[in-house]
């Protein structure tokens, strides 16, 4: 190895995120009772069961977490100041508001239902994360016209997404949404 280089974790935040993501994927894949109220006799075969798709997603999550972990390991240059190999916990207002919105969504979904709660959540999250991005691109405060355009695009995207999700789960998978 060249002088000044050592092998280790070069992106600590990505490495920590990959471990956390792998743990969540493992729990969903291997924990008993993640999917409840499933009939022992399913019509339509193996792929008609709702737990199959959840396990496919969780295994995909685990594989992506492994890829992220391997990409975050490599040669570290000792000669320069490298802050990527130290863990930094980032907490900004978007993360806090999104977390609160997701917790509210989990509580309100069984009470209010899929269509209303998902529409409100998707609309809110798209607006929440699009606004700072637009501000960074334009390097200024957003004007009323730009906010109005964003709201119209956000609404159209939200309606299309929720309708597609409803149709996909209801008619293709045969799963009734709350």
N, C-alpha and C. Protein backbone atom coordinates (compact mmCIF):
# COMPACT_ATOMS: atom_id res chain seq x y z
N UNK A 1 0.83 -1.19 0.00
CA UNK A 1 0.00 0.00 0.00
C UNK A 1 0.87 1.25 0.00
N UNK A 2 0.38 2.27 -0.64
CA UNK A 2 1.13 3.52 -0.72
C UNK A 2 1.19 4.20 0.64
N UNK A 3 2.26 4.98 0.81
CA UNK A 3 2.43 5.70 2.07
C UNK A 3 1.32 6.75 2.22
N UNK A 4 0.77 6.86 3.43
CA UNK A 4 -0.28 7.84 3.67
C UNK A 4 -1.69 7.29 3.45
N UNK A 5 -1.80 6.04 3.01
CA UNK A 5 -3.11 5.44 2.80
C UNK A 5 -3.30 4.27 3.76
N UNK A 6 -4.51 4.12 4.23
CA UNK A 6 -4.86 2.94 5.01
C UNK A 6 -6.25 2.50 4.58
N UNK A 7 -6.58 1.27 4.90
CA UNK A 7 -7.86 0.70 4.51
C UNK A 7 -8.84 0.82 5.67
N UNK A 8 -10.04 1.30 5.41
CA UNK A 8 -11.03 1.44 6.46
C UNK A 8 -12.34 2.00 5.93
N UNK A 9 -13.12 2.56 6.82
CA UNK A 9 -14.41 3.12 6.45
C UNK A 9 -14.18 4.56 5.99
N UNK A 10 -14.46 4.82 4.71
CA UNK A 10 -14.21 6.16 4.19
C UNK A 10 -15.44 7.05 4.23
N UNK A 11 -16.63 6.47 4.34
CA UNK A 11 -17.88 7.24 4.46
C UNK A 11 -18.69 6.66 5.62
N UNK A 12 -18.45 7.18 6.81
CA UNK A 12 -19.04 6.61 8.02
C UNK A 12 -20.56 6.73 8.03
N UNK A 13 -21.12 7.85 7.59
CA UNK A 13 -22.58 8.00 7.59
C UNK A 13 -23.23 6.94 6.71
N UNK A 14 -22.67 6.68 5.53
CA UNK A 14 -23.22 5.64 4.66
C UNK A 14 -23.09 4.27 5.30
N UNK A 15 -21.99 4.02 5.98
CA UNK A 15 -21.79 2.73 6.64
C UNK A 15 -22.80 2.51 7.76
N UNK A 16 -23.01 3.53 8.59
CA UNK A 16 -23.99 3.43 9.68
C UNK A 16 -25.40 3.25 9.11
N UNK A 17 -25.72 4.01 8.06
CA UNK A 17 -27.03 3.88 7.41
C UNK A 17 -27.22 2.48 6.84
N UNK A 18 -26.18 1.90 6.26
CA UNK A 18 -26.30 0.56 5.70
C UNK A 18 -26.55 -0.49 6.78
N UNK A 19 -25.91 -0.36 7.93
CA UNK A 19 -26.15 -1.29 9.03
C UNK A 19 -27.58 -1.18 9.53
N UNK A 20 -28.05 0.05 9.71
CA UNK A 20 -29.42 0.28 10.17
C UNK A 20 -30.43 -0.27 9.15
N UNK A 21 -30.20 -0.02 7.87
CA UNK A 21 -31.09 -0.49 6.82
C UNK A 21 -31.08 -2.02 6.74
N UNK A 22 -29.92 -2.63 6.86
CA UNK A 22 -29.82 -4.08 6.84
C UNK A 22 -30.58 -4.68 8.02
N UNK A 23 -30.50 -4.06 9.18
CA UNK A 23 -31.22 -4.55 10.36
C UNK A 23 -32.73 -4.48 10.15
N UNK A 24 -33.22 -3.40 9.58
CA UNK A 24 -34.66 -3.28 9.31
C UNK A 24 -35.10 -4.34 8.30
N UNK A 25 -34.33 -4.48 7.22
CA UNK A 25 -34.65 -5.50 6.21
C UNK A 25 -34.63 -6.91 6.80
N UNK A 26 -33.67 -7.20 7.68
CA UNK A 26 -33.59 -8.51 8.32
C UNK A 26 -34.81 -8.76 9.21
N UNK A 27 -35.20 -7.75 9.95
CA UNK A 27 -36.36 -7.89 10.83
C UNK A 27 -37.62 -8.20 10.01
N UNK A 28 -37.84 -7.44 8.95
CA UNK A 28 -39.03 -7.65 8.12
C UNK A 28 -38.99 -9.02 7.46
N UNK A 29 -37.81 -9.46 7.04
CA UNK A 29 -37.68 -10.74 6.34
C UNK A 29 -37.86 -11.93 7.28
N UNK A 30 -37.27 -11.88 8.46
CA UNK A 30 -37.20 -13.07 9.30
C UNK A 30 -38.09 -13.06 10.53
N UNK A 31 -38.62 -11.92 10.94
CA UNK A 31 -39.45 -11.89 12.15
C UNK A 31 -40.81 -12.53 11.88
N UNK A 32 -41.27 -13.36 12.80
CA UNK A 32 -42.59 -13.95 12.62
C UNK A 32 -43.69 -12.93 12.90
N UNK A 33 -44.76 -13.04 12.20
CA UNK A 33 -45.93 -12.20 12.47
C UNK A 33 -45.84 -10.79 11.93
N UNK A 34 -44.95 -10.52 10.97
CA UNK A 34 -44.88 -9.18 10.40
C UNK A 34 -46.15 -8.91 9.60
N UNK A 35 -46.63 -9.92 8.88
CA UNK A 35 -47.91 -9.82 8.17
C UNK A 35 -48.90 -10.67 8.94
N UNK A 36 -50.01 -10.06 9.36
CA UNK A 36 -51.01 -10.78 10.15
C UNK A 36 -52.30 -10.93 9.36
N UNK A 37 -53.21 -11.71 9.90
CA UNK A 37 -54.53 -11.95 9.31
C UNK A 37 -54.45 -12.47 7.89
N UNK A 38 -53.47 -13.33 7.64
CA UNK A 38 -53.33 -13.93 6.32
C UNK A 38 -54.00 -15.29 6.32
N UNK A 39 -54.80 -15.53 5.32
CA UNK A 39 -55.48 -16.80 5.20
C UNK A 39 -54.47 -17.90 4.94
N UNK A 40 -54.74 -19.08 5.52
CA UNK A 40 -53.83 -20.20 5.30
C UNK A 40 -53.98 -20.76 3.89
N UNK A 41 -55.14 -20.55 3.29
CA UNK A 41 -55.36 -20.99 1.91
C UNK A 41 -55.54 -19.77 1.04
N UNK A 42 -54.57 -19.53 0.19
CA UNK A 42 -54.62 -18.37 -0.69
C UNK A 42 -54.98 -18.81 -2.10
N UNK A 43 -55.94 -18.17 -2.68
CA UNK A 43 -56.26 -18.40 -4.08
C UNK A 43 -55.26 -17.64 -4.93
N UNK A 44 -54.87 -18.22 -6.03
CA UNK A 44 -53.96 -17.53 -6.94
C UNK A 44 -52.52 -17.93 -6.80
N UNK A 45 -52.19 -18.82 -5.85
CA UNK A 45 -50.84 -19.31 -5.72
C UNK A 45 -49.93 -18.47 -4.85
N UNK A 46 -48.65 -18.76 -4.96
CA UNK A 46 -47.63 -18.17 -4.11
C UNK A 46 -47.57 -16.65 -4.23
N UNK A 47 -47.63 -16.12 -5.45
CA UNK A 47 -47.47 -14.68 -5.64
C UNK A 47 -48.73 -13.88 -5.34
N UNK A 48 -49.80 -14.53 -4.94
CA UNK A 48 -51.00 -13.81 -4.54
C UNK A 48 -50.97 -13.46 -3.05
N UNK A 49 -50.00 -13.99 -2.34
CA UNK A 49 -49.89 -13.71 -0.91
C UNK A 49 -49.23 -12.35 -0.69
N UNK A 50 -49.76 -11.52 0.21
CA UNK A 50 -49.17 -10.20 0.44
C UNK A 50 -47.80 -10.24 1.10
N UNK A 51 -47.51 -11.29 1.86
CA UNK A 51 -46.20 -11.35 2.52
C UNK A 51 -45.05 -11.58 1.54
N UNK A 52 -45.34 -12.15 0.38
CA UNK A 52 -44.30 -12.42 -0.60
C UNK A 52 -43.68 -11.11 -1.08
N UNK A 53 -44.50 -10.12 -1.38
CA UNK A 53 -44.00 -8.84 -1.88
C UNK A 53 -43.26 -8.07 -0.79
N UNK A 54 -43.74 -8.18 0.43
CA UNK A 54 -43.04 -7.52 1.54
C UNK A 54 -41.66 -8.14 1.74
N UNK A 55 -41.58 -9.45 1.65
CA UNK A 55 -40.28 -10.12 1.81
C UNK A 55 -39.36 -9.84 0.63
N UNK A 56 -39.92 -9.73 -0.58
CA UNK A 56 -39.09 -9.37 -1.74
C UNK A 56 -38.51 -7.98 -1.56
N UNK A 57 -39.32 -7.04 -1.08
CA UNK A 57 -38.83 -5.68 -0.84
C UNK A 57 -37.78 -5.65 0.27
N UNK A 58 -38.01 -6.43 1.33
CA UNK A 58 -37.07 -6.42 2.44
C UNK A 58 -35.74 -7.07 2.07
N UNK A 59 -35.77 -8.11 1.25
CA UNK A 59 -34.52 -8.73 0.78
C UNK A 59 -33.79 -7.74 -0.13
N UNK A 60 -34.53 -7.03 -0.98
CA UNK A 60 -33.91 -6.00 -1.82
C UNK A 60 -33.27 -4.92 -0.96
N UNK A 61 -33.94 -4.54 0.11
CA UNK A 61 -33.41 -3.54 1.04
C UNK A 61 -32.10 -4.04 1.65
N UNK A 62 -32.06 -5.31 2.02
CA UNK A 62 -30.85 -5.88 2.60
C UNK A 62 -29.70 -5.90 1.59
N UNK A 63 -30.00 -6.27 0.34
CA UNK A 63 -28.96 -6.29 -0.70
C UNK A 63 -28.42 -4.89 -0.97
N UNK A 64 -29.30 -3.91 -1.05
CA UNK A 64 -28.86 -2.54 -1.27
C UNK A 64 -28.05 -2.02 -0.09
N UNK A 65 -28.41 -2.45 1.12
CA UNK A 65 -27.64 -2.06 2.31
C UNK A 65 -26.23 -2.65 2.25
N UNK A 66 -26.12 -3.89 1.79
CA UNK A 66 -24.79 -4.50 1.65
C UNK A 66 -23.95 -3.77 0.61
N UNK A 67 -24.55 -3.40 -0.51
CA UNK A 67 -23.84 -2.65 -1.55
C UNK A 67 -23.34 -1.32 -0.98
N UNK A 68 -24.21 -0.62 -0.24
CA UNK A 68 -23.82 0.65 0.37
C UNK A 68 -22.69 0.46 1.37
N UNK A 69 -22.74 -0.62 2.13
CA UNK A 69 -21.67 -0.89 3.11
C UNK A 69 -20.34 -1.12 2.40
N UNK A 70 -20.35 -1.92 1.34
CA UNK A 70 -19.11 -2.19 0.60
C UNK A 70 -18.57 -0.94 -0.09
N UNK A 71 -19.47 -0.08 -0.58
CA UNK A 71 -19.02 1.15 -1.23
C UNK A 71 -18.45 2.16 -0.22
N UNK A 72 -18.83 2.04 1.03
CA UNK A 72 -18.35 2.99 2.03
C UNK A 72 -17.02 2.56 2.65
N UNK A 73 -16.50 1.42 2.23
CA UNK A 73 -15.22 0.92 2.73
C UNK A 73 -14.18 1.05 1.62
N UNK A 74 -12.98 1.46 1.97
CA UNK A 74 -11.92 1.58 0.97
C UNK A 74 -10.68 2.23 1.53
N UNK A 75 -9.86 2.77 0.63
CA UNK A 75 -8.61 3.42 1.02
C UNK A 75 -8.92 4.80 1.58
N UNK A 76 -8.25 5.11 2.69
CA UNK A 76 -8.40 6.42 3.34
C UNK A 76 -7.05 7.12 3.25
N UNK A 77 -7.07 8.37 2.86
CA UNK A 77 -5.85 9.17 2.76
C UNK A 77 -5.60 9.83 4.12
N UNK A 78 -4.49 9.48 4.75
CA UNK A 78 -4.14 10.04 6.05
C UNK A 78 -3.59 11.46 5.95
N UNK A 79 -3.03 11.81 4.81
CA UNK A 79 -2.32 13.09 4.70
C UNK A 79 -3.26 14.30 4.71
N UNK A 80 -4.48 14.15 4.25
CA UNK A 80 -5.39 15.30 4.25
C UNK A 80 -6.49 15.11 5.30
N UNK A 81 -7.12 16.20 5.63
CA UNK A 81 -8.22 16.16 6.61
C UNK A 81 -9.44 15.55 5.93
N UNK A 82 -9.85 14.38 6.39
CA UNK A 82 -11.00 13.69 5.80
C UNK A 82 -12.09 13.58 6.86
N UNK A 83 -13.17 14.31 6.66
CA UNK A 83 -14.26 14.29 7.65
C UNK A 83 -15.32 13.27 7.31
N UNK A 84 -15.22 12.62 6.11
CA UNK A 84 -16.22 11.61 5.74
C UNK A 84 -16.10 10.34 6.57
N UNK A 85 -14.91 10.08 7.16
CA UNK A 85 -14.76 8.85 7.92
C UNK A 85 -15.16 9.03 9.39
N UNK A 86 -15.81 10.14 9.70
CA UNK A 86 -16.37 10.36 11.04
C UNK A 86 -17.89 10.45 10.90
N UNK A 87 -18.58 9.91 11.88
CA UNK A 87 -20.05 9.93 11.82
C UNK A 87 -20.57 11.29 12.26
N UNK A 88 -21.47 11.85 11.45
CA UNK A 88 -22.14 13.11 11.76
C UNK A 88 -23.64 12.87 11.71
N UNK A 89 -24.32 13.22 12.76
CA UNK A 89 -25.77 13.06 12.79
C UNK A 89 -26.39 14.37 12.32
N UNK A 90 -26.99 14.31 11.13
CA UNK A 90 -27.62 15.50 10.56
C UNK A 90 -29.08 15.53 10.95
N UNK A 91 -29.51 16.65 11.46
CA UNK A 91 -30.92 16.81 11.81
C UNK A 91 -31.33 18.21 11.38
N UNK A 92 -32.12 18.26 10.30
CA UNK A 92 -32.61 19.56 9.86
C UNK A 92 -34.13 19.57 9.94
N UNK A 93 -34.74 20.66 9.61
CA UNK A 93 -36.18 20.79 9.80
C UNK A 93 -36.96 19.83 8.90
N UNK A 94 -36.46 19.54 7.69
CA UNK A 94 -37.16 18.62 6.80
C UNK A 94 -37.22 17.22 7.41
N UNK A 95 -36.13 16.78 8.02
CA UNK A 95 -36.10 15.45 8.64
C UNK A 95 -37.08 15.39 9.81
N UNK A 96 -37.09 16.41 10.63
CA UNK A 96 -37.99 16.45 11.79
C UNK A 96 -39.45 16.47 11.33
N UNK A 97 -39.78 17.34 10.38
CA UNK A 97 -41.17 17.45 9.90
C UNK A 97 -41.61 16.17 9.18
N UNK A 98 -40.72 15.56 8.42
CA UNK A 98 -41.07 14.31 7.73
C UNK A 98 -41.30 13.19 8.74
N UNK A 99 -40.49 13.13 9.78
CA UNK A 99 -40.67 12.10 10.82
C UNK A 99 -42.01 12.28 11.53
N UNK A 100 -42.33 13.52 11.88
CA UNK A 100 -43.63 13.79 12.52
C UNK A 100 -44.77 13.41 11.59
N UNK A 101 -44.65 13.74 10.31
CA UNK A 101 -45.70 13.42 9.34
C UNK A 101 -45.88 11.91 9.20
N UNK A 102 -44.79 11.16 9.19
CA UNK A 102 -44.89 9.70 9.06
C UNK A 102 -45.50 9.06 10.31
N UNK A 103 -45.18 9.59 11.47
CA UNK A 103 -45.78 9.08 12.71
C UNK A 103 -47.29 9.37 12.71
N UNK A 104 -47.66 10.58 12.34
CA UNK A 104 -49.09 10.92 12.23
C UNK A 104 -49.79 10.02 11.21
N UNK A 105 -49.14 9.77 10.10
CA UNK A 105 -49.70 8.90 9.05
C UNK A 105 -49.99 7.51 9.61
N UNK A 106 -49.04 6.96 10.36
CA UNK A 106 -49.22 5.62 10.93
C UNK A 106 -50.41 5.57 11.89
N UNK A 107 -50.62 6.64 12.65
CA UNK A 107 -51.75 6.67 13.58
C UNK A 107 -53.08 6.92 12.87
N UNK A 108 -53.07 7.78 11.86
CA UNK A 108 -54.32 8.17 11.21
C UNK A 108 -54.78 7.22 10.11
N UNK A 109 -53.88 6.41 9.56
CA UNK A 109 -54.25 5.51 8.47
C UNK A 109 -55.42 4.59 8.80
N UNK A 110 -55.42 3.90 9.93
CA UNK A 110 -56.57 3.03 10.22
C UNK A 110 -57.86 3.82 10.53
N UNK A 111 -57.72 5.03 10.99
CA UNK A 111 -58.88 5.83 11.38
C UNK A 111 -59.50 6.53 10.18
N UNK A 112 -58.69 7.22 9.40
CA UNK A 112 -59.18 8.05 8.29
C UNK A 112 -59.26 7.25 7.00
N UNK A 113 -58.34 6.33 6.78
CA UNK A 113 -58.34 5.53 5.57
C UNK A 113 -57.17 5.86 4.66
N UNK A 114 -56.95 4.96 3.70
CA UNK A 114 -55.80 5.04 2.81
C UNK A 114 -55.82 6.28 1.92
N UNK A 115 -56.93 6.52 1.24
CA UNK A 115 -56.97 7.57 0.21
C UNK A 115 -56.65 8.95 0.78
N UNK A 116 -57.29 9.31 1.85
CA UNK A 116 -57.11 10.66 2.39
C UNK A 116 -55.73 10.82 3.04
N UNK A 117 -55.35 9.87 3.90
CA UNK A 117 -54.07 10.02 4.60
C UNK A 117 -52.88 9.95 3.65
N UNK A 118 -52.94 9.05 2.68
CA UNK A 118 -51.82 8.93 1.74
C UNK A 118 -51.74 10.15 0.84
N UNK A 119 -52.88 10.67 0.41
CA UNK A 119 -52.88 11.88 -0.42
C UNK A 119 -52.26 13.05 0.34
N UNK A 120 -52.67 13.24 1.56
CA UNK A 120 -52.13 14.35 2.37
C UNK A 120 -50.64 14.15 2.62
N UNK A 121 -50.24 12.93 2.96
CA UNK A 121 -48.83 12.66 3.25
C UNK A 121 -47.95 12.90 2.03
N UNK A 122 -48.32 12.33 0.89
CA UNK A 122 -47.50 12.47 -0.31
C UNK A 122 -47.41 13.94 -0.72
N UNK A 123 -48.55 14.64 -0.70
CA UNK A 123 -48.56 16.06 -1.06
C UNK A 123 -47.63 16.85 -0.14
N UNK A 124 -47.73 16.60 1.14
CA UNK A 124 -46.92 17.32 2.12
C UNK A 124 -45.42 17.01 1.94
N UNK A 125 -45.07 15.73 1.79
CA UNK A 125 -43.66 15.36 1.68
C UNK A 125 -43.02 15.88 0.39
N UNK A 126 -43.76 15.83 -0.71
CA UNK A 126 -43.21 16.36 -1.96
C UNK A 126 -42.96 17.86 -1.82
N UNK A 127 -43.91 18.58 -1.26
CA UNK A 127 -43.74 20.02 -1.08
C UNK A 127 -42.60 20.32 -0.10
N UNK A 128 -42.53 19.53 0.99
CA UNK A 128 -41.51 19.73 2.01
C UNK A 128 -40.10 19.60 1.44
N UNK A 129 -39.89 18.56 0.60
CA UNK A 129 -38.54 18.33 0.09
C UNK A 129 -38.26 19.05 -1.22
N UNK A 130 -39.27 19.45 -1.96
CA UNK A 130 -39.05 20.17 -3.22
C UNK A 130 -38.72 21.64 -2.97
N UNK A 131 -39.30 22.23 -1.96
CA UNK A 131 -39.09 23.66 -1.71
C UNK A 131 -37.62 24.00 -1.46
N UNK A 132 -36.90 23.31 -0.57
CA UNK A 132 -35.48 23.64 -0.39
C UNK A 132 -34.65 23.39 -1.65
N UNK A 133 -35.01 22.37 -2.41
CA UNK A 133 -34.28 22.08 -3.65
C UNK A 133 -34.44 23.21 -4.64
N UNK A 134 -35.65 23.71 -4.78
CA UNK A 134 -35.88 24.83 -5.68
C UNK A 134 -35.16 26.08 -5.20
N UNK A 135 -35.13 26.28 -3.90
CA UNK A 135 -34.42 27.44 -3.35
C UNK A 135 -32.93 27.35 -3.66
N UNK A 136 -32.36 26.15 -3.56
CA UNK A 136 -30.94 25.96 -3.86
C UNK A 136 -30.65 26.19 -5.34
N UNK A 137 -31.54 25.74 -6.21
CA UNK A 137 -31.35 25.90 -7.65
C UNK A 137 -31.40 27.38 -8.02
N UNK A 138 -32.39 28.09 -7.50
CA UNK A 138 -32.58 29.48 -7.87
C UNK A 138 -31.79 30.44 -6.98
N UNK A 139 -31.27 29.91 -5.87
CA UNK A 139 -30.45 30.70 -4.96
C UNK A 139 -31.16 31.97 -4.48
N UNK A 140 -32.45 31.84 -4.23
CA UNK A 140 -33.23 32.98 -3.78
C UNK A 140 -34.51 32.48 -3.10
N UNK A 141 -35.25 33.39 -2.56
CA UNK A 141 -36.54 33.05 -1.98
C UNK A 141 -37.52 32.81 -3.12
N UNK A 142 -38.37 31.79 -2.98
CA UNK A 142 -39.32 31.46 -4.04
C UNK A 142 -40.40 32.52 -4.16
N UNK A 143 -40.76 32.83 -5.38
CA UNK A 143 -41.81 33.80 -5.63
C UNK A 143 -43.16 33.10 -5.60
N UNK A 144 -44.24 33.87 -5.46
CA UNK A 144 -45.59 33.30 -5.40
C UNK A 144 -45.89 32.47 -6.63
N UNK A 145 -45.46 32.92 -7.80
CA UNK A 145 -45.73 32.21 -9.05
C UNK A 145 -45.04 30.84 -9.03
N UNK A 146 -43.80 30.77 -8.52
CA UNK A 146 -43.08 29.50 -8.45
C UNK A 146 -43.71 28.56 -7.43
N UNK A 147 -44.16 29.10 -6.31
CA UNK A 147 -44.83 28.27 -5.30
C UNK A 147 -46.14 27.72 -5.86
N UNK A 148 -46.89 28.56 -6.58
CA UNK A 148 -48.16 28.13 -7.19
C UNK A 148 -47.91 27.01 -8.21
N UNK A 149 -46.87 27.16 -9.03
CA UNK A 149 -46.52 26.13 -10.01
C UNK A 149 -46.15 24.82 -9.30
N UNK A 150 -45.36 24.95 -8.22
CA UNK A 150 -44.97 23.77 -7.45
C UNK A 150 -46.20 23.09 -6.85
N UNK A 151 -47.12 23.84 -6.30
CA UNK A 151 -48.33 23.27 -5.71
C UNK A 151 -49.17 22.53 -6.75
N UNK A 152 -49.29 23.08 -7.95
CA UNK A 152 -50.07 22.42 -9.01
C UNK A 152 -49.39 21.12 -9.44
N UNK A 153 -48.07 21.16 -9.64
CA UNK A 153 -47.34 19.95 -10.02
C UNK A 153 -47.39 18.91 -8.90
N UNK A 154 -47.26 19.35 -7.67
CA UNK A 154 -47.32 18.47 -6.50
C UNK A 154 -48.69 17.80 -6.41
N UNK A 155 -49.74 18.57 -6.60
CA UNK A 155 -51.10 18.02 -6.55
C UNK A 155 -51.31 16.98 -7.65
N UNK A 156 -50.88 17.29 -8.87
CA UNK A 156 -51.04 16.35 -9.99
C UNK A 156 -50.27 15.06 -9.72
N UNK A 157 -49.04 15.18 -9.28
CA UNK A 157 -48.23 14.01 -8.96
C UNK A 157 -48.88 13.19 -7.86
N UNK A 158 -49.36 13.84 -6.83
CA UNK A 158 -49.98 13.15 -5.69
C UNK A 158 -51.21 12.38 -6.12
N UNK A 159 -52.09 13.00 -6.86
CA UNK A 159 -53.32 12.34 -7.30
C UNK A 159 -52.99 11.14 -8.18
N UNK A 160 -52.08 11.31 -9.13
CA UNK A 160 -51.69 10.19 -10.01
C UNK A 160 -51.10 9.05 -9.20
N UNK A 161 -50.20 9.35 -8.28
CA UNK A 161 -49.56 8.32 -7.47
C UNK A 161 -50.56 7.56 -6.61
N UNK A 162 -51.44 8.27 -5.93
CA UNK A 162 -52.39 7.61 -5.03
C UNK A 162 -53.38 6.76 -5.83
N UNK A 163 -53.86 7.26 -6.95
CA UNK A 163 -54.78 6.47 -7.79
C UNK A 163 -54.08 5.22 -8.31
N UNK A 164 -52.83 5.35 -8.79
CA UNK A 164 -52.10 4.18 -9.27
C UNK A 164 -51.86 3.16 -8.16
N UNK A 165 -51.50 3.64 -6.97
CA UNK A 165 -51.29 2.73 -5.85
C UNK A 165 -52.58 2.01 -5.49
N UNK A 166 -53.68 2.75 -5.46
CA UNK A 166 -54.97 2.14 -5.12
C UNK A 166 -55.35 1.08 -6.16
N UNK A 167 -55.22 1.41 -7.43
CA UNK A 167 -55.56 0.45 -8.48
C UNK A 167 -54.64 -0.76 -8.45
N UNK A 168 -53.36 -0.52 -8.24
CA UNK A 168 -52.40 -1.61 -8.19
C UNK A 168 -52.72 -2.59 -7.07
N UNK A 169 -52.93 -2.08 -5.87
CA UNK A 169 -53.19 -2.97 -4.74
C UNK A 169 -54.58 -3.59 -4.80
N UNK A 170 -55.58 -2.81 -5.18
CA UNK A 170 -56.95 -3.31 -5.17
C UNK A 170 -57.22 -4.31 -6.28
N UNK A 171 -56.81 -3.97 -7.49
CA UNK A 171 -57.19 -4.82 -8.62
C UNK A 171 -56.11 -5.81 -9.04
N UNK A 172 -54.86 -5.42 -8.99
CA UNK A 172 -53.82 -6.34 -9.43
C UNK A 172 -53.43 -7.33 -8.33
N UNK A 173 -53.25 -6.82 -7.10
CA UNK A 173 -52.85 -7.71 -6.01
C UNK A 173 -54.04 -8.27 -5.23
N UNK A 174 -55.22 -7.67 -5.37
CA UNK A 174 -56.40 -8.11 -4.64
C UNK A 174 -56.32 -7.84 -3.15
N UNK A 175 -55.64 -6.77 -2.76
CA UNK A 175 -55.48 -6.41 -1.36
C UNK A 175 -56.33 -5.19 -1.08
N UNK A 176 -57.24 -5.29 -0.10
CA UNK A 176 -58.05 -4.13 0.22
C UNK A 176 -57.25 -3.21 1.15
N UNK A 177 -57.22 -1.95 0.80
CA UNK A 177 -56.50 -0.97 1.59
C UNK A 177 -57.41 -0.38 2.65
N UNK A 178 -56.85 0.02 3.79
CA UNK A 178 -57.69 0.54 4.88
C UNK A 178 -58.38 1.83 4.50
